[in-house]
């Protein structure tokens, strides 16, 4: 019976050390994620070659700020979104990736023709 009582404080101390080590490992990771998140939110999305951001047509601006943010992100990340499969069932329209729901075409001079599909 005395041997069981001796093991408990030892096990409790070991658990406390493990928790402490885990906390010291998680704190830098949490700080790093916070910094990256703030940086991503603070970085304005803009078209290549322009500093004021993408120029949207009137119909898109009339859809509201949430739709505008969606299209802004699609323009800023169009190279990455080419690899994200379309999930809304618009394959019949010829869409193969999420970017196709936002951007119809990009001209040689960088001008973008927007697809209305994602605004509805």
PDB file of N, CA and C in Angstrom:
ATOM      1  N   UNK A   1       0.803  -1.190   0.000  1.00  0.00           N
ATOM      2  CA  UNK A   1       0.000   0.000   0.000  1.00  0.00           C
ATOM      3  C   UNK A   1       0.852   1.263   0.000  1.00  0.00           C
ATOM      4  N   UNK A   2       1.951   1.231   0.681  1.00  0.00           N
ATOM      5  CA  UNK A   2       2.816   2.403   0.705  1.00  0.00           C
ATOM      6  C   UNK A   2       3.492   2.640  -0.643  1.00  0.00           C
ATOM      7  N   UNK A   3       3.745   1.578  -1.410  1.00  0.00           N
ATOM      8  CA  UNK A   3       4.389   1.751  -2.707  1.00  0.00           C
ATOM      9  C   UNK A   3       3.457   2.472  -3.682  1.00  0.00           C
ATOM     10  N   UNK A   4       2.162   2.253  -3.585  1.00  0.00           N
ATOM     11  CA  UNK A   4       1.212   2.945  -4.459  1.00  0.00           C
ATOM     12  C   UNK A   4       1.174   4.432  -4.144  1.00  0.00           C
ATOM     13  N   UNK A   5       1.251   4.795  -2.877  1.00  0.00           N
ATOM     14  CA  UNK A   5       1.227   6.204  -2.496  1.00  0.00           C
ATOM     15  C   UNK A   5       2.485   6.921  -2.973  1.00  0.00           C
ATOM     16  N   UNK A   6       3.588   6.228  -2.993  1.00  0.00           N
ATOM     17  CA  UNK A   6       4.830   6.841  -3.446  1.00  0.00           C
ATOM     18  C   UNK A   6       4.811   7.090  -4.956  1.00  0.00           C
ATOM     19  N   UNK A   7       4.166   6.232  -5.730  1.00  0.00           N
ATOM     20  CA  UNK A   7       4.132   6.378  -7.180  1.00  0.00           C
ATOM     21  C   UNK A   7       3.255   7.539  -7.615  1.00  0.00           C
ATOM     22  N   UNK A   8       2.200   7.824  -6.904  1.00  0.00           N
ATOM     23  CA  UNK A   8       1.286   8.881  -7.320  1.00  0.00           C
ATOM     24  C   UNK A   8       1.954  10.251  -7.406  1.00  0.00           C
ATOM     25  N   UNK A   9       2.670  10.704  -6.401  1.00  0.00           N
ATOM     26  CA  UNK A   9       3.316  12.012  -6.540  1.00  0.00           C
ATOM     27  C   UNK A   9       4.325  12.041  -7.681  1.00  0.00           C
ATOM     28  N   UNK A  10       5.001  10.950  -7.895  1.00  0.00           N
ATOM     29  CA  UNK A  10       5.968  10.872  -8.973  1.00  0.00           C
ATOM     30  C   UNK A  10       5.261  10.987 -10.335  1.00  0.00           C
ATOM     31  N   UNK A  11       4.146  10.281 -10.489  1.00  0.00           N
ATOM     32  CA  UNK A  11       3.389  10.343 -11.739  1.00  0.00           C
ATOM     33  C   UNK A  11       2.789  11.732 -11.955  1.00  0.00           C
ATOM     34  N   UNK A  12       2.313  12.333 -10.887  1.00  0.00           N
ATOM     35  CA  UNK A  12       1.742  13.674 -11.011  1.00  0.00           C
ATOM     36  C   UNK A  12       2.814  14.681 -11.438  1.00  0.00           C
ATOM     37  N   UNK A  13       4.005  14.559 -10.898  1.00  0.00           N
ATOM     38  CA  UNK A  13       5.098  15.466 -11.280  1.00  0.00           C
ATOM     39  C   UNK A  13       5.480  15.245 -12.738  1.00  0.00           C
ATOM     40  N   UNK A  14       5.494  14.007 -13.171  1.00  0.00           N
ATOM     41  CA  UNK A  14       5.810  13.704 -14.568  1.00  0.00           C
ATOM     42  C   UNK A  14       4.747  14.311 -15.501  1.00  0.00           C
ATOM     43  N   UNK A  15       3.479  14.192 -15.126  1.00  0.00           N
ATOM     44  CA  UNK A  15       2.398  14.767 -15.940  1.00  0.00           C
ATOM     45  C   UNK A  15       2.522  16.289 -16.017  1.00  0.00           C
ATOM     46  N   UNK A  16       2.864  16.919 -14.904  1.00  0.00           N
ATOM     47  CA  UNK A  16       3.034  18.376 -14.904  1.00  0.00           C
ATOM     48  C   UNK A  16       4.181  18.795 -15.816  1.00  0.00           C
ATOM     49  N   UNK A  17       5.278  18.041 -15.802  1.00  0.00           N
ATOM     50  CA  UNK A  17       6.404  18.358 -16.687  1.00  0.00           C
ATOM     51  C   UNK A  17       5.995  18.212 -18.152  1.00  0.00           C
ATOM     52  N   UNK A  18       5.251  17.156 -18.468  1.00  0.00           N
ATOM     53  CA  UNK A  18       4.801  16.962 -19.847  1.00  0.00           C
ATOM     54  C   UNK A  18       3.896  18.107 -20.290  1.00  0.00           C
ATOM     55  N   UNK A  19       2.978  18.526 -19.441  1.00  0.00           N
ATOM     56  CA  UNK A  19       2.100  19.654 -19.762  1.00  0.00           C
ATOM     57  C   UNK A  19       2.906  20.929 -19.984  1.00  0.00           C
ATOM     58  N   UNK A  20       3.916  21.141 -19.166  1.00  0.00           N
ATOM     59  CA  UNK A  20       4.761  22.322 -19.302  1.00  0.00           C
ATOM     60  C   UNK A  20       5.523  22.317 -20.617  1.00  0.00           C
ATOM     61  N   UNK A  21       6.065  21.172 -20.973  1.00  0.00           N
ATOM     62  CA  UNK A  21       6.787  21.055 -22.239  1.00  0.00           C
ATOM     63  C   UNK A  21       5.832  21.283 -23.400  1.00  0.00           C
ATOM     64  N   UNK A  22       4.638  20.721 -23.314  1.00  0.00           N
ATOM     65  CA  UNK A  22       3.642  20.896 -24.368  1.00  0.00           C
ATOM     66  C   UNK A  22       3.254  22.358 -24.514  1.00  0.00           C
ATOM     67  N   UNK A  23       3.075  23.049 -23.402  1.00  0.00           N
ATOM     68  CA  UNK A  23       2.730  24.468 -23.466  1.00  0.00           C
ATOM     69  C   UNK A  23       3.848  25.282 -24.096  1.00  0.00           C
ATOM     70  N   UNK A  24       5.083  24.991 -23.737  1.00  0.00           N
ATOM     71  CA  UNK A  24       6.204  25.723 -24.322  1.00  0.00           C
ATOM     72  C   UNK A  24       6.337  25.459 -25.818  1.00  0.00           C
ATOM     73  N   UNK A  25       5.883  24.311 -26.274  1.00  0.00           N
ATOM     74  CA  UNK A  25       5.911  24.016 -27.709  1.00  0.00           C
ATOM     75  C   UNK A  25       4.737  24.678 -28.431  1.00  0.00           C
ATOM     76  N   UNK A  26       3.587  24.750 -27.794  1.00  0.00           N
ATOM     77  CA  UNK A  26       2.397  25.301 -28.436  1.00  0.00           C
ATOM     78  C   UNK A  26       2.394  26.824 -28.502  1.00  0.00           C
ATOM     79  N   UNK A  27       2.988  27.475 -27.563  1.00  0.00           N
ATOM     80  CA  UNK A  27       2.982  28.941 -27.540  1.00  0.00           C
ATOM     81  C   UNK A  27       3.666  29.528 -28.771  1.00  0.00           C
ATOM     82  N   UNK A  28       4.868  29.105 -29.156  1.00  0.00           N
ATOM     83  CA  UNK A  28       5.471  29.673 -30.375  1.00  0.00           C
ATOM     84  C   UNK A  28       4.672  29.358 -31.639  1.00  0.00           C
ATOM     85  N   UNK A  29       4.085  28.176 -31.685  1.00  0.00           N
ATOM     86  CA  UNK A  29       3.270  27.822 -32.846  1.00  0.00           C
ATOM     87  C   UNK A  29       2.048  28.723 -32.921  1.00  0.00           C
ATOM     88  N   UNK A  30       1.390  28.964 -31.801  1.00  0.00           N
ATOM     89  CA  UNK A  30       0.215  29.838 -31.781  1.00  0.00           C
ATOM     90  C   UNK A  30       0.582  31.265 -32.173  1.00  0.00           C
ATOM     91  N   UNK A  31       1.709  31.742 -31.686  1.00  0.00           N
ATOM     92  CA  UNK A  31       2.152  33.100 -32.027  1.00  0.00           C
ATOM     93  C   UNK A  31       2.454  33.183 -33.521  1.00  0.00           C
ATOM     94  N   UNK A  32       3.117  32.179 -34.070  1.00  0.00           N
ATOM     95  CA  UNK A  32       3.422  32.158 -35.498  1.00  0.00           C
ATOM     96  C   UNK A  32       2.146  32.164 -36.336  1.00  0.00           C
ATOM     97  N   UNK A  33       1.175  31.341 -35.972  1.00  0.00           N
ATOM     98  CA  UNK A  33      -0.094  31.312 -36.695  1.00  0.00           C
ATOM     99  C   UNK A  33      -0.820  32.643 -36.605  1.00  0.00           C
ATOM    100  N   UNK A  34      -0.780  33.277 -35.461  1.00  0.00           N
ATOM    101  CA  UNK A  34      -1.406  34.583 -35.291  1.00  0.00           C
ATOM    102  C   UNK A  34      -0.745  35.627 -36.184  1.00  0.00           C
ATOM    103  N   UNK A  35       0.582  35.643 -36.215  1.00  0.00           N
ATOM    104  CA  UNK A  35       1.305  36.619 -37.042  1.00  0.00           C
ATOM    105  C   UNK A  35       1.006  36.397 -38.519  1.00  0.00           C
ATOM    106  N   UNK A  36       1.024  35.140 -38.970  1.00  0.00           N
ATOM    107  CA  UNK A  36       0.735  34.850 -40.374  1.00  0.00           C
ATOM    108  C   UNK A  36      -0.699  35.228 -40.711  1.00  0.00           C
ATOM    109  N   UNK A  37      -1.633  34.940 -39.825  1.00  0.00           N
ATOM    110  CA  UNK A  37      -3.031  35.297 -40.058  1.00  0.00           C
ATOM    111  C   UNK A  37      -3.232  36.791 -40.168  1.00  0.00           C
ATOM    112  N   UNK A  38      -2.626  37.554 -39.287  1.00  0.00           N
ATOM    113  CA  UNK A  38      -2.739  39.015 -39.338  1.00  0.00           C
ATOM    114  C   UNK A  38      -2.096  39.543 -40.609  1.00  0.00           C
ATOM    115  N   UNK A  39      -0.955  38.986 -40.986  1.00  0.00           N
ATOM    116  CA  UNK A  39      -0.280  39.422 -42.208  1.00  0.00           C
ATOM    117  C   UNK A  39      -1.152  39.157 -43.432  1.00  0.00           C
ATOM    118  N   UNK A  40      -1.791  37.974 -43.490  1.00  0.00           N
ATOM    119  CA  UNK A  40      -2.645  37.654 -44.631  1.00  0.00           C
ATOM    120  C   UNK A  40      -3.869  38.560 -44.688  1.00  0.00           C
ATOM    121  N   UNK A  41      -4.433  38.864 -43.550  1.00  0.00           N
ATOM    122  CA  UNK A  41      -5.606  39.743 -43.528  1.00  0.00           C
ATOM    123  C   UNK A  41      -5.236  41.186 -43.852  1.00  0.00           C
ATOM    124  N   UNK A  42      -4.052  41.603 -43.476  1.00  0.00           N
ATOM    125  CA  UNK A  42      -3.648  42.994 -43.689  1.00  0.00           C
ATOM    126  C   UNK A  42      -3.103  43.237 -45.086  1.00  0.00           C
ATOM    127  N   UNK A  43      -2.691  42.185 -45.795  1.00  0.00           N
ATOM    128  CA  UNK A  43      -2.129  42.347 -47.126  1.00  0.00           C
ATOM    129  C   UNK A  43      -3.254  42.549 -48.122  1.00  0.00           C
ATOM    130  N   UNK A  44      -3.266  43.678 -48.825  1.00  0.00           N
ATOM    131  CA  UNK A  44      -4.337  43.895 -49.798  1.00  0.00           C
ATOM    132  C   UNK A  44      -4.140  43.015 -51.022  1.00  0.00           C
ATOM    133  N   UNK A  45      -5.237  42.471 -51.514  1.00  0.00           N
ATOM    134  CA  UNK A  45      -5.181  41.668 -52.737  1.00  0.00           C
ATOM    135  C   UNK A  45      -5.301  42.613 -53.922  1.00  0.00           C
ATOM    136  N   UNK A  46      -4.394  42.494 -54.861  1.00  0.00           N
ATOM    137  CA  UNK A  46      -4.435  43.364 -56.033  1.00  0.00           C
ATOM    138  C   UNK A  46      -4.029  42.593 -57.267  1.00  0.00           C
ATOM    139  N   UNK A  47      -4.409  43.115 -58.398  1.00  0.00           N
ATOM    140  CA  UNK A  47      -4.036  42.515 -59.673  1.00  0.00           C
ATOM    141  C   UNK A  47      -2.564  42.778 -59.928  1.00  0.00           C
ATOM    142  N   UNK A  48      -1.915  41.879 -60.657  1.00  0.00           N
ATOM    143  CA  UNK A  48      -0.528  42.148 -60.995  1.00  0.00           C
ATOM    144  C   UNK A  48      -0.420  43.416 -61.837  1.00  0.00           C
ATOM    145  N   UNK A  49       0.503  44.278 -61.482  1.00  0.00           N
ATOM    146  CA  UNK A  49       0.712  45.496 -62.244  1.00  0.00           C
ATOM    147  C   UNK A  49      -0.113  46.686 -61.783  1.00  0.00           C
ATOM    148  N   UNK A  50      -1.010  46.484 -60.833  1.00  0.00           N
ATOM    149  CA  UNK A  50      -1.797  47.605 -60.327  1.00  0.00           C
ATOM    150  C   UNK A  50      -1.627  47.695 -58.827  1.00  0.00           C
ATOM    151  N   UNK A  51      -1.682  48.892 -58.310  1.00  0.00           N
ATOM    152  CA  UNK A  51      -1.533  49.055 -56.866  1.00  0.00           C
ATOM    153  C   UNK A  51      -2.865  49.328 -56.187  1.00  0.00           C
ATOM    154  N   UNK A  52      -3.899  49.664 -56.945  1.00  0.00           N
ATOM    155  CA  UNK A  52      -5.174  49.996 -56.328  1.00  0.00           C
ATOM    156  C   UNK A  52      -6.116  48.809 -56.235  1.00  0.00           C
ATOM    157  N   UNK A  53      -5.757  47.669 -56.775  1.00  0.00           N
ATOM    158  CA  UNK A  53      -6.598  46.486 -56.713  1.00  0.00           C
ATOM    159  C   UNK A  53      -7.363  46.292 -58.002  1.00  0.00           C
ATOM    160  N   UNK A  54      -8.127  45.220 -58.056  1.00  0.00           N
ATOM    161  CA  UNK A  54      -8.853  44.919 -59.282  1.00  0.00           C
ATOM    162  C   UNK A  54      -9.967  45.927 -59.555  1.00  0.00           C
ATOM    163  N   UNK A  55     -10.220  46.170 -60.826  1.00  0.00           N
ATOM    164  CA  UNK A  55     -11.305  47.050 -61.242  1.00  0.00           C
ATOM    165  C   UNK A  55     -12.500  46.170 -61.581  1.00  0.00           C
ATOM    166  N   UNK A  56     -13.554  46.268 -60.773  1.00  0.00           N
ATOM    167  CA  UNK A  56     -14.725  45.432 -60.967  1.00  0.00           C
ATOM    168  C   UNK A  56     -15.792  46.162 -61.762  1.00  0.00           C
ATOM    169  N   UNK A  57     -16.594  45.420 -62.539  1.00  0.00           N
ATOM    170  CA  UNK A  57     -17.713  46.036 -63.246  1.00  0.00           C
ATOM    171  C   UNK A  57     -18.824  46.423 -62.265  1.00  0.00           C
ATOM    172  N   UNK A  58     -19.722  47.267 -62.708  1.00  0.00           N
ATOM    173  CA  UNK A  58     -20.788  47.776 -61.839  1.00  0.00           C
ATOM    174  C   UNK A  58     -21.676  46.660 -61.306  1.00  0.00           C
ATOM    175  N   UNK A  59     -21.993  45.657 -62.139  1.00  0.00           N
ATOM    176  CA  UNK A  59     -22.874  44.573 -61.680  1.00  0.00           C
ATOM    177  C   UNK A  59     -22.271  43.826 -60.499  1.00  0.00           C
ATOM    178  N   UNK A  60     -20.946  43.688 -60.479  1.00  0.00           N
ATOM    179  CA  UNK A  60     -20.287  42.983 -59.386  1.00  0.00           C
ATOM    180  C   UNK A  60     -20.282  43.837 -58.119  1.00  0.00           C
ATOM    181  N   UNK A  61     -20.017  45.114 -58.259  1.00  0.00           N
ATOM    182  CA  UNK A  61     -20.011  46.012 -57.095  1.00  0.00           C
ATOM    183  C   UNK A  61     -21.397  46.108 -56.474  1.00  0.00           C
ATOM    184  N   UNK A  62     -22.438  45.970 -57.295  1.00  0.00           N
ATOM    185  CA  UNK A  62     -23.809  46.045 -56.787  1.00  0.00           C
ATOM    186  C   UNK A  62     -24.189  44.826 -55.954  1.00  0.00           C
ATOM    187  N   UNK A  63     -23.415  43.768 -56.044  1.00  0.00           N
ATOM    188  CA  UNK A  63     -23.720  42.534 -55.303  1.00  0.00           C
ATOM    189  C   UNK A  63     -23.364  42.629 -53.820  1.00  0.00           C
ATOM    190  N   UNK A  64     -22.572  43.608 -53.447  1.00  0.00           N
ATOM    191  CA  UNK A  64     -22.251  43.790 -52.036  1.00  0.00           C
ATOM    192  C   UNK A  64     -20.808  43.480 -51.708  1.00  0.00           C
ATOM    193  N   UNK A  65     -20.403  43.828 -50.481  1.00  0.00           N
ATOM    194  CA  UNK A  65     -18.998  43.690 -50.089  1.00  0.00           C
ATOM    195  C   UNK A  65     -18.524  42.237 -49.976  1.00  0.00           C
ATOM    196  N   UNK A  66     -19.396  41.323 -49.585  1.00  0.00           N
ATOM    197  CA  UNK A  66     -18.970  39.928 -49.448  1.00  0.00           C
ATOM    198  C   UNK A  66     -18.627  39.343 -50.817  1.00  0.00           C
ATOM    199  N   UNK A  67     -19.444  39.633 -51.814  1.00  0.00           N
ATOM    200  CA  UNK A  67     -19.166  39.151 -53.170  1.00  0.00           C
ATOM    201  C   UNK A  67     -17.908  39.809 -53.716  1.00  0.00           C
ATOM    202  N   UNK A  68     -17.740  41.094 -53.436  1.00  0.00           N
ATOM    203  CA  UNK A  68     -16.538  41.798 -53.888  1.00  0.00           C
ATOM    204  C   UNK A  68     -15.284  41.188 -53.280  1.00  0.00           C
ATOM    205  N   UNK A  69     -15.338  40.836 -51.988  1.00  0.00           N
ATOM    206  CA  UNK A  69     -14.194  40.190 -51.330  1.00  0.00           C
ATOM    207  C   UNK A  69     -13.894  38.832 -51.963  1.00  0.00           C
ATOM    208  N   UNK A  70     -14.950  38.102 -52.302  1.00  0.00           N
ATOM    209  CA  UNK A  70     -14.768  36.794 -52.929  1.00  0.00           C
ATOM    210  C   UNK A  70     -14.043  36.937 -54.261  1.00  0.00           C
ATOM    211  N   UNK A  71     -14.464  37.884 -55.073  1.00  0.00           N
ATOM    212  CA  UNK A  71     -13.817  38.098 -56.368  1.00  0.00           C
ATOM    213  C   UNK A  71     -12.406  38.664 -56.202  1.00  0.00           C
ATOM    214  N   UNK A  72     -12.204  39.502 -55.205  1.00  0.00           N
ATOM    215  CA  UNK A  72     -10.869  40.046 -54.941  1.00  0.00           C
ATOM    216  C   UNK A  72      -9.904  38.918 -54.602  1.00  0.00           C
ATOM    217  N   UNK A  73     -10.347  37.990 -53.769  1.00  0.00           N
ATOM    218  CA  UNK A  73      -9.500  36.855 -53.403  1.00  0.00           C
ATOM    219  C   UNK A  73      -9.263  35.933 -54.600  1.00  0.00           C
ATOM    220  N   UNK A  74     -10.285  35.769 -55.450  1.00  0.00           N
ATOM    221  CA  UNK A  74     -10.126  34.926 -56.639  1.00  0.00           C
ATOM    222  C   UNK A  74      -9.086  35.517 -57.585  1.00  0.00           C
ATOM    223  N   UNK A  75      -9.084  36.850 -57.711  1.00  0.00           N
ATOM    224  CA  UNK A  75      -8.090  37.506 -58.566  1.00  0.00           C
ATOM    225  C   UNK A  75      -6.697  37.373 -57.953  1.00  0.00           C
ATOM    226  N   UNK A  76      -6.601  37.591 -56.664  1.00  0.00           N
ATOM    227  CA  UNK A  76      -5.304  37.551 -55.992  1.00  0.00           C
ATOM    228  C   UNK A  76      -4.699  36.144 -55.974  1.00  0.00           C
ATOM    229  N   UNK A  77      -5.550  35.133 -55.952  1.00  0.00           N
ATOM    230  CA  UNK A  77      -5.069  33.756 -55.816  1.00  0.00           C
ATOM    231  C   UNK A  77      -5.483  32.878 -56.993  1.00  0.00           C
ATOM    232  N   UNK A  78      -5.616  33.481 -58.157  1.00  0.00           N
ATOM    233  CA  UNK A  78      -6.124  32.709 -59.303  1.00  0.00           C
ATOM    234  C   UNK A  78      -5.189  31.572 -59.700  1.00  0.00           C
ATOM    235  N   UNK A  79      -3.884  31.738 -59.537  1.00  0.00           N
ATOM    236  CA  UNK A  79      -2.973  30.645 -59.874  1.00  0.00           C
ATOM    237  C   UNK A  79      -3.172  29.433 -58.965  1.00  0.00           C
ATOM    238  N   UNK A  80      -3.428  29.675 -57.685  1.00  0.00           N
ATOM    239  CA  UNK A  80      -3.663  28.582 -56.748  1.00  0.00           C
ATOM    240  C   UNK A  80      -5.034  27.961 -56.953  1.00  0.00           C
ATOM    241  N   UNK A  81      -6.046  28.795 -57.250  1.00  0.00           N
ATOM    242  CA  UNK A  81      -7.414  28.304 -57.382  1.00  0.00           C
ATOM    243  C   UNK A  81      -7.616  27.460 -58.643  1.00  0.00           C
ATOM    244  N   UNK A  82      -6.663  27.474 -59.556  1.00  0.00           N
ATOM    245  CA  UNK A  82      -6.753  26.607 -60.731  1.00  0.00           C
ATOM    246  C   UNK A  82      -6.733  25.137 -60.332  1.00  0.00           C
ATOM    247  N   UNK A  83      -6.167  24.841 -59.156  1.00  0.00           N
ATOM    248  CA  UNK A  83      -6.017  23.471 -58.703  1.00  0.00           C
ATOM    249  C   UNK A  83      -7.114  23.028 -57.740  1.00  0.00           C
ATOM    250  N   UNK A  84      -8.047  23.933 -57.426  1.00  0.00           N
ATOM    251  CA  UNK A  84      -9.147  23.592 -56.521  1.00  0.00           C
ATOM    252  C   UNK A  84     -10.354  23.237 -57.381  1.00  0.00           C
ATOM    253  N   UNK A  85     -10.810  21.991 -57.348  1.00  0.00           N
ATOM    254  CA  UNK A  85     -11.936  21.592 -58.189  1.00  0.00           C
ATOM    255  C   UNK A  85     -13.207  22.366 -57.838  1.00  0.00           C
ATOM    256  N   UNK A  86     -13.996  22.631 -58.854  1.00  0.00           N
ATOM    257  CA  UNK A  86     -15.259  23.320 -58.650  1.00  0.00           C
ATOM    258  C   UNK A  86     -16.204  22.390 -57.897  1.00  0.00           C
ATOM    259  N   UNK A  87     -16.903  22.907 -56.918  1.00  0.00           N
ATOM    260  CA  UNK A  87     -17.762  22.092 -56.067  1.00  0.00           C
ATOM    261  C   UNK A  87     -19.239  22.476 -56.166  1.00  0.00           C
ATOM    262  N   UNK A  88     -19.590  23.401 -57.061  1.00  0.00           N
ATOM    263  CA  UNK A  88     -20.976  23.876 -57.104  1.00  0.00           C
ATOM    264  C   UNK A  88     -21.797  23.191 -58.190  1.00  0.00           C
ATOM    265  N   UNK A  89     -21.217  22.275 -58.920  1.00  0.00           N
ATOM    266  CA  UNK A  89     -21.962  21.543 -59.929  1.00  0.00           C
ATOM    267  C   UNK A  89     -22.107  22.271 -61.250  1.00  0.00           C
ATOM    268  N   UNK A  90     -21.236  23.189 -61.562  1.00  0.00           N
ATOM    269  CA  UNK A  90     -21.327  23.964 -62.800  1.00  0.00           C
ATOM    270  C   UNK A  90     -20.425  23.412 -63.893  1.00  0.00           C
ATOM    271  N   UNK A  91     -20.105  22.142 -63.818  1.00  0.00           N
ATOM    272  CA  UNK A  91     -19.279  21.513 -64.836  1.00  0.00           C
ATOM    273  C   UNK A  91     -19.905  21.598 -66.217  1.00  0.00           C
ATOM    274  N   UNK A  92     -21.235  21.655 -66.282  1.00  0.00           N
ATOM    275  CA  UNK A  92     -21.929  21.792 -67.556  1.00  0.00           C
ATOM    276  C   UNK A  92     -21.632  23.112 -68.242  1.00  0.00           C
ATOM    277  N   UNK A  93     -21.195  24.100 -67.487  1.00  0.00           N
ATOM    278  CA  UNK A  93     -20.817  25.396 -68.049  1.00  0.00           C
ATOM    279  C   UNK A  93     -19.366  25.404 -68.526  1.00  0.00           C
ATOM    280  N   UNK A  94     -18.676  24.293 -68.333  1.00  0.00           N
ATOM    281  CA  UNK A  94     -17.277  24.209 -68.729  1.00  0.00           C
ATOM    282  C   UNK A  94     -16.314  24.547 -67.612  1.00  0.00           C
ATOM    283  N   UNK A  95     -16.823  24.738 -66.407  1.00  0.00           N
ATOM    284  CA  UNK A  95     -15.957  25.061 -65.273  1.00  0.00           C
ATOM    285  C   UNK A  95     -15.291  23.798 -64.754  1.00  0.00           C
ATOM    286  N   UNK A  96     -14.002  23.871 -64.539  1.00  0.00           N
ATOM    287  CA  UNK A  96     -13.252  22.743 -63.984  1.00  0.00           C
ATOM    288  C   UNK A  96     -12.636  23.075 -62.635  1.00  0.00           C
ATOM    289  N   UNK A  97     -12.522  24.364 -62.309  1.00  0.00           N
ATOM    290  CA  UNK A  97     -11.899  24.789 -61.053  1.00  0.00           C
ATOM    291  C   UNK A  97     -12.666  25.984 -60.490  1.00  0.00           C
ATOM    292  N   UNK A  98     -12.437  26.276 -59.223  1.00  0.00           N
ATOM    293  CA  UNK A  98     -13.125  27.377 -58.548  1.00  0.00           C
ATOM    294  C   UNK A  98     -12.857  28.712 -59.243  1.00  0.00           C
ATOM    295  N   UNK A  99     -11.673  28.891 -59.780  1.00  0.00           N
ATOM    296  CA  UNK A  99     -11.345  30.149 -60.446  1.00  0.00           C
ATOM    297  C   UNK A  99     -12.255  30.386 -61.649  1.00  0.00           C
ATOM    298  N   UNK A 100     -12.715  29.308 -62.302  1.00  0.00           N
ATOM    299  CA  UNK A 100     -13.596  29.453 -63.461  1.00  0.00           C
ATOM    300  C   UNK A 100     -14.953  30.056 -63.091  1.00  0.00           C
ATOM    301  N   UNK A 101     -15.381  29.901 -61.861  1.00  0.00           N
ATOM    302  CA  UNK A 101     -16.651  30.477 -61.406  1.00  0.00           C
ATOM    303  C   UNK A 101     -16.538  31.985 -61.198  1.00  0.00           C
ATOM    304  N   UNK A 102     -15.333  32.497 -61.074  1.00  0.00           N
ATOM    305  CA  UNK A 102     -15.096  33.916 -60.829  1.00  0.00           C
ATOM    306  C   UNK A 102     -14.553  34.659 -62.051  1.00  0.00           C
ATOM    307  N   UNK A 103     -13.640  34.027 -62.764  1.00  0.00           N
ATOM    308  CA  UNK A 103     -12.940  34.695 -63.865  1.00  0.00           C
ATOM    309  C   UNK A 103     -13.229  33.952 -65.163  1.00  0.00           C
ATOM    310  N   UNK A 104     -13.812  34.676 -66.137  1.00  0.00           N
ATOM    311  CA  UNK A 104     -14.116  34.072 -67.438  1.00  0.00           C
ATOM    312  C   UNK A 104     -12.865  34.007 -68.306  1.00  0.00           C
ATOM    313  N   UNK A 105     -12.100  35.108 -68.352  1.00  0.00           N
ATOM    314  CA  UNK A 105     -10.879  35.123 -69.159  1.00  0.00           C
ATOM    315  C   UNK A 105      -9.961  36.245 -68.699  1.00  0.00           C
ATOM    316  N   UNK A 106      -8.693  36.099 -69.064  1.00  0.00           N
ATOM    317  CA  UNK A 106      -7.685  37.123 -68.776  1.00  0.00           C
ATOM    318  C   UNK A 106      -7.043  37.486 -70.113  1.00  0.00           C
ATOM    319  N   UNK A 107      -7.111  38.757 -70.475  1.00  0.00           N
ATOM    320  CA  UNK A 107      -6.534  39.238 -71.741  1.00  0.00           C
ATOM    321  C   UNK A 107      -5.022  39.327 -71.634  1.00  0.00           C
ATOM    322  N   UNK A 108      -4.380  39.481 -72.774  1.00  0.00           N
ATOM    323  CA  UNK A 108      -2.925  39.586 -72.816  1.00  0.00           C
ATOM    324  C   UNK A 108      -2.395  40.788 -72.056  1.00  0.00           C
ATOM    325  N   UNK A 109      -3.174  41.875 -72.000  1.00  0.00           N
ATOM    326  CA  UNK A 109      -2.740  43.070 -71.282  1.00  0.00           C
ATOM    327  C   UNK A 109      -3.058  43.011 -69.780  1.00  0.00           C
ATOM    328  N   UNK A 110      -3.607  41.879 -69.328  1.00  0.00           N
ATOM    329  CA  UNK A 110      -3.923  41.721 -67.904  1.00  0.00           C
ATOM    330  C   UNK A 110      -5.362  42.037 -67.557  1.00  0.00           C
ATOM    331  N   UNK A 111      -6.148  42.513 -68.524  1.00  0.00           N
ATOM    332  CA  UNK A 111      -7.559  42.801 -68.266  1.00  0.00           C
ATOM    333  C   UNK A 111      -8.335  41.521 -67.991  1.00  0.00           C
ATOM    334  N   UNK A 112      -9.231  41.581 -67.036  1.00  0.00           N
ATOM    335  CA  UNK A 112      -9.970  40.392 -66.606  1.00  0.00           C
ATOM    336  C   UNK A 112     -11.443  40.553 -66.957  1.00  0.00           C
ATOM    337  N   UNK A 113     -12.007  39.497 -67.537  1.00  0.00           N
ATOM    338  CA  UNK A 113     -13.447  39.418 -67.761  1.00  0.00           C
ATOM    339  C   UNK A 113     -13.995  38.507 -66.676  1.00  0.00           C
ATOM    340  N   UNK A 114     -14.933  39.025 -65.885  1.00  0.00           N
ATOM    341  CA  UNK A 114     -15.452  38.289 -64.737  1.00  0.00           C
ATOM    342  C   UNK A 114     -16.654  37.446 -65.123  1.00  0.00           C
ATOM    343  N   UNK A 115     -16.744  36.283 -64.500  1.00  0.00           N
ATOM    344  CA  UNK A 115     -17.853  35.368 -64.685  1.00  0.00           C
ATOM    345  C   UNK A 115     -18.913  35.708 -63.643  1.00  0.00           C
ATOM    346  N   UNK A 116     -20.158  35.794 -64.056  1.00  0.00           N
ATOM    347  CA  UNK A 116     -21.254  36.133 -63.137  1.00  0.00           C
ATOM    348  C   UNK A 116     -21.671  34.973 -62.258  1.00  0.00           C
ATOM    349  N   UNK A 117     -21.233  33.791 -62.591  1.00  0.00           N
ATOM    350  CA  UNK A 117     -21.710  32.587 -61.900  1.00  0.00           C
ATOM    351  C   UNK A 117     -21.528  32.653 -60.379  1.00  0.00           C
ATOM    352  N   UNK A 118     -20.434  33.122 -59.907  1.00  0.00           N
ATOM    353  CA  UNK A 118     -20.150  33.140 -58.470  1.00  0.00           C
ATOM    354  C   UNK A 118     -20.872  34.271 -57.745  1.00  0.00           C
ATOM    355  N   UNK A 119     -21.458  35.178 -58.463  1.00  0.00           N
ATOM    356  CA  UNK A 119     -22.127  36.308 -57.802  1.00  0.00           C
ATOM    357  C   UNK A 119     -23.566  35.975 -57.431  1.00  0.00           C
ATOM    358  N   UNK A 120     -24.070  34.844 -57.897  1.00  0.00           N
ATOM    359  CA  UNK A 120     -25.473  34.509 -57.610  1.00  0.00           C
ATOM    360  C   UNK A 120     -25.601  33.471 -56.541  1.00  0.00           C
TER     361      UNK A 120
END
